Amino acid sequence: MTLRSVKQTIPALETSDGAGVRIKRSLGQHQSVRLDPFLMLDEFGSAEAADYIAGFPSHPHRGFETVTYMIEGHMLHEDHLGNRGDLRNGGVQWMTAGRGIIHSEMPQQEEGVMRGFQLWLNLPAAEKMTDAGYRDIQPEDIPEIPVTGARIKLIAGELTLDGTRHQGAVTGGSTEPLYADIHLDSEGQVTLPVAAGHNAMLYLYEGEARLGDQALRRSAANVLGEGDRITVTAGASGARLLLIAGKPIGEPIVQYGPFVMNTREEIEQALRDYRDGRLTA
């Protein structure tokens, strides 16, 4: 067994998206800043309504999946398939754009804190034109694993701890994604398996923590080197962080805004399909 360490740190940059929602973007801040199979990771969080109230009006996607994890707040998803999903504290929306989807994500609050994350997960070429789909995952449907000194919310993937296999709310998929929200008590420590050969990162969003003897940078993608497990230890105030890992696809990526394909020709086709009303046909 080999412990992973931090090999690269990608600090999140402040920017805006949608109709002016203020976010912090680590993965995806430039098209060269990715971690196969992950395309983008945005952190949003503010108590100022002006930072989020305009939301994300109707817009298209093709060729990947979006995973929105709402830590605090209320947002409504609507799409051309007729899906409506209320994303509330602790809930997750897992959307497969596939061949095409047109959706909106609009705040359902006019004041208070809204914070969470959106992750873009790439699809391999063989799945990019699959049918669009949508899953609305309620907080109570996300398994919570209690371990000494920590709690782990397992959004996606599997973890085997002390001989017991735990399954997340979402399992399977060709990239075998692992997505866990780890809550560490003061000075708490946890050791978790991470499949060898999978790309992995830690994103610290509260408190202080270290991986082995390396301090984790807050609001940054702490990209991990090779190995098959991690040991994370919190500081005196505890810590909350995301563990995200997946099997790399290893295919060319051509992105134009909300479309992520393998060739320029496929991007041009996506643009024609959207212009001519065939994106979701």
Protein backbone atom coordinates (compact mmCIF):
# COMPACT_ATOMS: atom_id res chain seq x y z
CA MET A 1 0.00 0.00 0.00
CA THR A 2 1.31 3.44 -0.97
CA LEU A 3 0.23 6.78 0.47
CA ARG A 4 -0.53 9.51 -2.03
CA SER A 5 0.90 12.99 -1.68
CA VAL A 6 0.12 16.37 -3.25
CA LYS A 7 1.95 16.77 -6.56
CA GLN A 8 0.28 19.98 -7.79
CA THR A 9 -1.86 22.77 -6.33
CA ILE A 10 -4.33 24.69 -8.51
CA PRO A 11 -5.70 27.69 -6.56
CA ALA A 12 -9.28 28.60 -7.44
CA LEU A 13 -9.67 31.92 -9.23
CA GLU A 14 -12.59 34.25 -8.68
CA THR A 15 -14.75 34.67 -11.77
CA SER A 16 -18.42 34.69 -12.78
CA ASP A 17 -20.66 32.47 -14.86
CA GLY A 18 -24.29 32.19 -15.86
CA ALA A 19 -25.98 35.57 -15.57
CA GLY A 20 -23.26 36.90 -13.27
CA VAL A 21 -23.03 34.36 -10.44
CA ARG A 22 -19.77 34.82 -8.53
CA ILE A 23 -17.76 31.60 -8.29
CA LYS A 24 -14.27 30.28 -7.56
CA ARG A 25 -12.95 28.01 -10.33
CA SER A 26 -10.02 25.65 -9.90
CA LEU A 27 -10.21 22.92 -12.54
CA GLY A 28 -11.34 24.45 -15.82
CA GLN A 29 -10.07 28.00 -15.24
CA HIS A 30 -8.22 27.38 -18.52
CA GLN A 31 -8.93 24.54 -20.91
CA SER A 32 -5.47 23.14 -20.19
CA VAL A 33 -6.19 23.00 -16.44
CA ARG A 34 -8.09 19.75 -16.13
CA LEU A 35 -7.74 16.42 -14.31
CA ASP A 36 -8.96 13.65 -16.62
CA PRO A 37 -11.87 12.71 -16.43
CA PHE A 38 -12.81 15.96 -14.63
CA LEU A 39 -13.22 19.10 -16.71
CA MET A 40 -14.16 21.76 -14.19
CA LEU A 41 -14.79 22.35 -10.49
CA ASP A 42 -16.57 25.49 -9.31
CA GLU A 43 -17.10 26.54 -5.70
CA PHE A 44 -19.90 29.03 -5.06
CA GLY A 45 -20.67 30.59 -1.73
CA SER A 46 -22.01 33.93 -0.60
CA ALA A 47 -24.45 35.54 1.81
CA GLU A 48 -24.91 38.42 -0.63
CA ALA A 49 -27.92 37.83 -2.90
CA ALA A 50 -26.37 39.98 -5.63
CA ASP A 51 -23.64 37.34 -6.01
CA TYR A 52 -26.08 34.57 -7.00
CA ILE A 53 -29.62 35.87 -7.56
CA ALA A 54 -29.37 36.06 -11.38
CA GLY A 55 -28.66 32.34 -11.52
CA PHE A 56 -28.07 30.29 -14.64
CA PRO A 57 -30.86 30.92 -17.18
CA SER A 58 -31.66 28.38 -19.89
CA HIS A 59 -28.53 27.11 -21.66
CA PRO A 60 -27.38 23.97 -23.56
CA HIS A 61 -24.83 21.21 -22.90
CA ARG A 62 -23.49 18.23 -24.85
CA GLY A 63 -20.91 15.54 -24.20
CA PHE A 64 -20.43 15.37 -20.40
CA GLU A 65 -22.14 15.25 -16.99
CA THR A 66 -22.65 17.92 -14.34
CA VAL A 67 -22.77 17.18 -10.62
CA THR A 68 -24.12 19.98 -8.41
CA TYR A 69 -23.73 19.57 -4.65
CA MET A 70 -25.67 22.10 -2.59
CA ILE A 71 -24.25 22.51 0.90
CA GLU A 72 -26.58 25.35 1.82
CA GLY A 73 -29.34 27.09 -0.13
CA HIS A 74 -32.16 26.38 -2.57
CA MET A 75 -31.98 26.18 -6.36
CA LEU A 76 -34.46 24.90 -8.95
CA HIS A 77 -33.41 22.83 -11.98
CA GLU A 78 -35.65 22.68 -15.05
CA ASP A 79 -34.83 21.11 -18.43
CA HIS A 80 -36.32 20.39 -21.84
CA LEU A 81 -37.17 16.83 -20.75
CA GLY A 82 -39.69 18.22 -18.27
CA ASN A 83 -37.56 17.50 -15.21
CA ARG A 84 -37.92 19.80 -12.20
CA GLY A 85 -35.64 19.34 -9.24
CA ASP A 86 -35.38 21.28 -6.00
CA LEU A 87 -31.79 21.35 -4.85
CA ARG A 88 -31.69 22.04 -1.13
CA ASN A 89 -29.23 21.74 1.78
CA GLY A 90 -27.14 18.60 1.33
CA GLY A 91 -28.76 17.51 -1.95
CA VAL A 92 -27.17 16.63 -5.30
CA GLN A 93 -28.26 16.96 -8.92
CA TRP A 94 -26.53 14.59 -11.33
CA MET A 95 -27.24 15.53 -14.92
CA THR A 96 -26.08 13.64 -18.00
CA ALA A 97 -26.04 16.02 -20.95
CA GLY A 98 -25.24 13.26 -23.43
CA ARG A 99 -26.33 14.19 -26.97
CA GLY A 100 -27.93 17.35 -25.69
CA ILE A 101 -29.87 19.01 -22.92
CA ILE A 102 -31.16 22.53 -22.37
CA HIS A 103 -31.68 23.47 -18.74
CA SER A 104 -31.74 26.28 -16.21
CA GLU A 105 -30.60 26.50 -12.60
CA MET A 106 -32.26 29.36 -10.77
CA PRO A 107 -32.06 30.40 -7.09
CA GLN A 108 -35.26 30.00 -5.10
CA GLN A 109 -34.20 32.40 -2.36
CA GLU A 110 -33.81 36.15 -2.26
CA GLU A 111 -31.54 36.33 0.77
CA GLY A 112 -29.33 34.17 2.95
CA VAL A 113 -26.35 31.96 2.24
CA MET A 114 -26.04 29.87 -0.90
CA ARG A 115 -22.98 27.65 -1.23
CA GLY A 116 -21.92 24.46 -2.89
CA PHE A 117 -20.00 22.99 -5.81
CA GLN A 118 -20.47 22.07 -9.43
CA LEU A 119 -18.26 19.42 -11.00
CA TRP A 120 -18.07 18.64 -14.73
CA LEU A 121 -17.37 14.97 -15.47
CA ASN A 122 -16.33 14.07 -18.99
CA LEU A 123 -17.88 11.22 -20.98
CA PRO A 124 -15.87 8.94 -23.28
CA ALA A 125 -16.47 9.23 -27.02
CA ALA A 126 -18.68 6.12 -27.02
CA GLU A 127 -21.08 7.78 -24.54
CA LYS A 128 -21.09 11.42 -25.61
CA MET A 129 -24.20 11.00 -27.77
CA THR A 130 -26.14 8.93 -25.25
CA ASP A 131 -29.63 10.04 -24.23
CA ALA A 132 -29.75 12.92 -21.76
CA GLY A 133 -30.73 12.06 -18.20
CA TYR A 134 -31.23 13.60 -14.76
CA ARG A 135 -31.13 12.38 -11.16
CA ASP A 136 -32.34 14.42 -8.19
CA ILE A 137 -30.62 13.00 -5.10
CA GLN A 138 -32.05 13.96 -1.73
CA PRO A 139 -29.78 14.44 1.31
CA GLU A 140 -31.25 11.42 3.06
CA ASP A 141 -30.32 9.24 0.09
CA ILE A 142 -26.61 10.06 0.41
CA PRO A 143 -24.95 7.48 2.70
CA GLU A 144 -23.05 8.89 5.66
CA ILE A 145 -20.21 6.77 7.01
CA PRO A 146 -19.20 7.39 10.64
CA VAL A 147 -15.55 6.69 11.43
CA THR A 148 -13.46 7.66 14.43
CA GLY A 149 -12.75 11.37 14.21
CA ALA A 150 -14.73 11.93 11.00
CA ARG A 151 -17.93 11.60 9.00
CA ILE A 152 -17.95 10.85 5.29
CA LYS A 153 -20.84 11.67 2.96
CA LEU A 154 -20.41 9.33 0.00
CA ILE A 155 -22.01 10.99 -3.02
CA ALA A 156 -20.55 8.65 -5.63
CA GLY A 157 -18.41 5.54 -5.82
CA GLU A 158 -17.43 2.94 -3.26
CA LEU A 159 -15.22 2.91 -0.17
CA THR A 160 -14.08 -0.16 1.75
CA LEU A 161 -13.34 0.65 5.38
CA ASP A 162 -12.39 -1.96 8.00
CA GLY A 163 -13.53 -4.71 5.65
CA THR A 164 -16.96 -3.18 5.03
CA ARG A 165 -17.83 -1.96 1.54
CA HIS A 166 -19.88 1.22 1.40
CA GLN A 167 -21.70 2.36 -1.74
CA GLY A 168 -22.46 5.96 -2.60
CA ALA A 169 -25.71 7.41 -3.86
CA VAL A 170 -24.34 6.97 -7.42
CA THR A 171 -22.22 3.98 -8.42
CA GLY A 172 -20.76 2.58 -11.62
CA GLY A 173 -20.00 4.50 -14.77
CA SER A 174 -17.11 4.03 -17.15
CA THR A 175 -14.93 6.51 -15.24
CA GLU A 176 -15.80 4.98 -11.84
CA PRO A 177 -16.12 8.37 -10.13
CA LEU A 178 -15.51 8.71 -6.40
CA TYR A 179 -16.96 11.81 -4.75
CA ALA A 180 -16.89 12.15 -0.97
CA ASP A 181 -17.46 15.07 1.40
CA ILE A 182 -15.22 14.48 4.45
CA HIS A 183 -15.97 16.18 7.77
CA LEU A 184 -13.04 15.91 10.19
CA ASP A 185 -13.31 16.65 13.90
CA SER A 186 -10.67 18.72 15.68
CA GLU A 187 -7.35 16.92 15.09
CA GLY A 188 -9.36 14.11 13.49
CA GLN A 189 -7.62 11.74 11.09
CA VAL A 190 -8.89 9.35 8.45
CA THR A 191 -7.23 6.93 6.05
CA LEU A 192 -9.17 6.11 2.88
CA PRO A 193 -8.49 3.91 -0.15
CA VAL A 194 -8.21 5.56 -3.56
CA ALA A 195 -7.90 3.21 -6.52
CA ALA A 196 -4.39 3.05 -7.97
CA GLY A 197 -4.38 4.46 -11.50
CA HIS A 198 -7.26 6.84 -10.85
CA ASN A 199 -6.63 10.56 -10.93
CA ALA A 200 -7.53 12.18 -7.61
CA MET A 201 -7.68 15.51 -5.83
CA LEU A 202 -8.62 17.00 -2.47
CA TYR A 203 -10.46 20.32 -2.16
CA LEU A 204 -10.34 21.88 1.31
CA TYR A 205 -13.21 24.32 1.85
CA GLU A 206 -13.34 24.73 5.65
CA GLY A 207 -10.74 24.67 8.38
CA GLU A 208 -7.20 23.37 8.10
CA ALA A 209 -5.90 19.93 7.12
CA ARG A 210 -2.81 18.16 5.94
CA LEU A 211 -2.12 15.13 3.79
CA GLY A 212 0.67 13.32 5.55
CA ASP A 213 3.01 16.19 6.44
CA GLN A 214 1.82 18.43 3.55
CA ALA A 215 -0.55 21.28 4.36
CA LEU A 216 -3.56 21.34 2.04
CA ARG A 217 -4.28 24.69 0.44
CA ARG A 218 -7.81 25.99 0.99
CA SER A 219 -10.03 26.73 -2.02
CA ALA A 220 -7.68 24.90 -4.36
CA ALA A 221 -7.51 21.64 -6.26
CA ASN A 222 -4.80 19.72 -4.41
CA VAL A 223 -3.94 17.18 -7.12
CA LEU A 224 -2.56 13.90 -5.80
CA GLY A 225 0.28 11.75 -7.04
CA GLU A 226 0.27 7.99 -7.45
CA GLY A 227 -0.72 5.59 -4.69
CA ASP A 228 -3.69 3.67 -3.39
CA ARG A 229 -4.69 5.46 -0.18
CA ILE A 230 -4.64 8.82 1.59
CA THR A 231 -4.28 9.87 5.22
CA VAL A 232 -5.78 13.27 6.04
CA THR A 233 -5.50 15.01 9.41
CA ALA A 234 -7.43 18.10 10.52
CA GLY A 235 -6.16 21.07 12.48
CA ALA A 236 -7.52 22.26 15.81
CA SER A 237 -10.72 23.70 14.27
CA GLY A 238 -11.52 20.59 12.23
CA ALA A 239 -11.91 20.55 8.46
CA ARG A 240 -14.28 19.87 5.59
CA LEU A 241 -12.94 18.76 2.24
CA LEU A 242 -13.93 16.97 -0.94
CA LEU A 243 -12.21 13.83 -2.21
CA ILE A 244 -12.77 13.47 -5.96
CA ALA A 245 -11.24 10.68 -8.05
CA GLY A 246 -11.91 8.88 -11.32
CA LYS A 247 -10.51 6.62 -14.00
CA PRO A 248 -8.90 8.72 -16.75
CA ILE A 249 -10.42 8.49 -20.25
CA GLY A 250 -7.27 9.39 -22.19
CA GLU A 251 -9.04 10.79 -25.26
CA PRO A 252 -8.68 14.14 -27.05
CA ILE A 253 -10.85 16.95 -25.66
CA VAL A 254 -12.23 19.78 -27.76
CA GLN A 255 -14.39 22.24 -25.82
CA TYR A 256 -16.42 25.21 -26.94
CA GLY A 257 -18.25 26.67 -23.96
CA PRO A 258 -20.97 24.21 -22.92
CA PHE A 259 -20.06 21.60 -25.54
CA VAL A 260 -17.28 19.07 -24.88
CA MET A 261 -16.46 16.63 -27.69
CA ASN A 262 -13.42 14.88 -29.19
CA THR A 263 -12.96 16.75 -32.47
CA ARG A 264 -13.47 20.22 -33.91
CA GLU A 265 -15.92 18.76 -36.42
CA GLU A 266 -18.09 17.40 -33.59
CA ILE A 267 -18.12 20.83 -31.95
CA GLU A 268 -19.17 22.45 -35.22
CA GLN A 269 -21.95 19.85 -35.51
CA ALA A 270 -23.11 20.63 -31.96
CA LEU A 271 -23.28 24.33 -32.80
CA ARG A 272 -25.29 23.61 -35.97
CA ASP A 273 -27.61 21.29 -34.05
CA TYR A 274 -28.23 23.92 -31.40
CA ARG A 275 -28.79 26.67 -33.98
CA ASP A 276 -31.20 24.48 -35.96
CA GLY A 277 -33.08 23.12 -32.94
CA ARG A 278 -31.70 19.59 -33.29
CA LEU A 279 -29.44 19.46 -30.23
CA THR A 280 -32.03 17.64 -28.14
CA ALA A 281 -33.77 15.77 -30.97
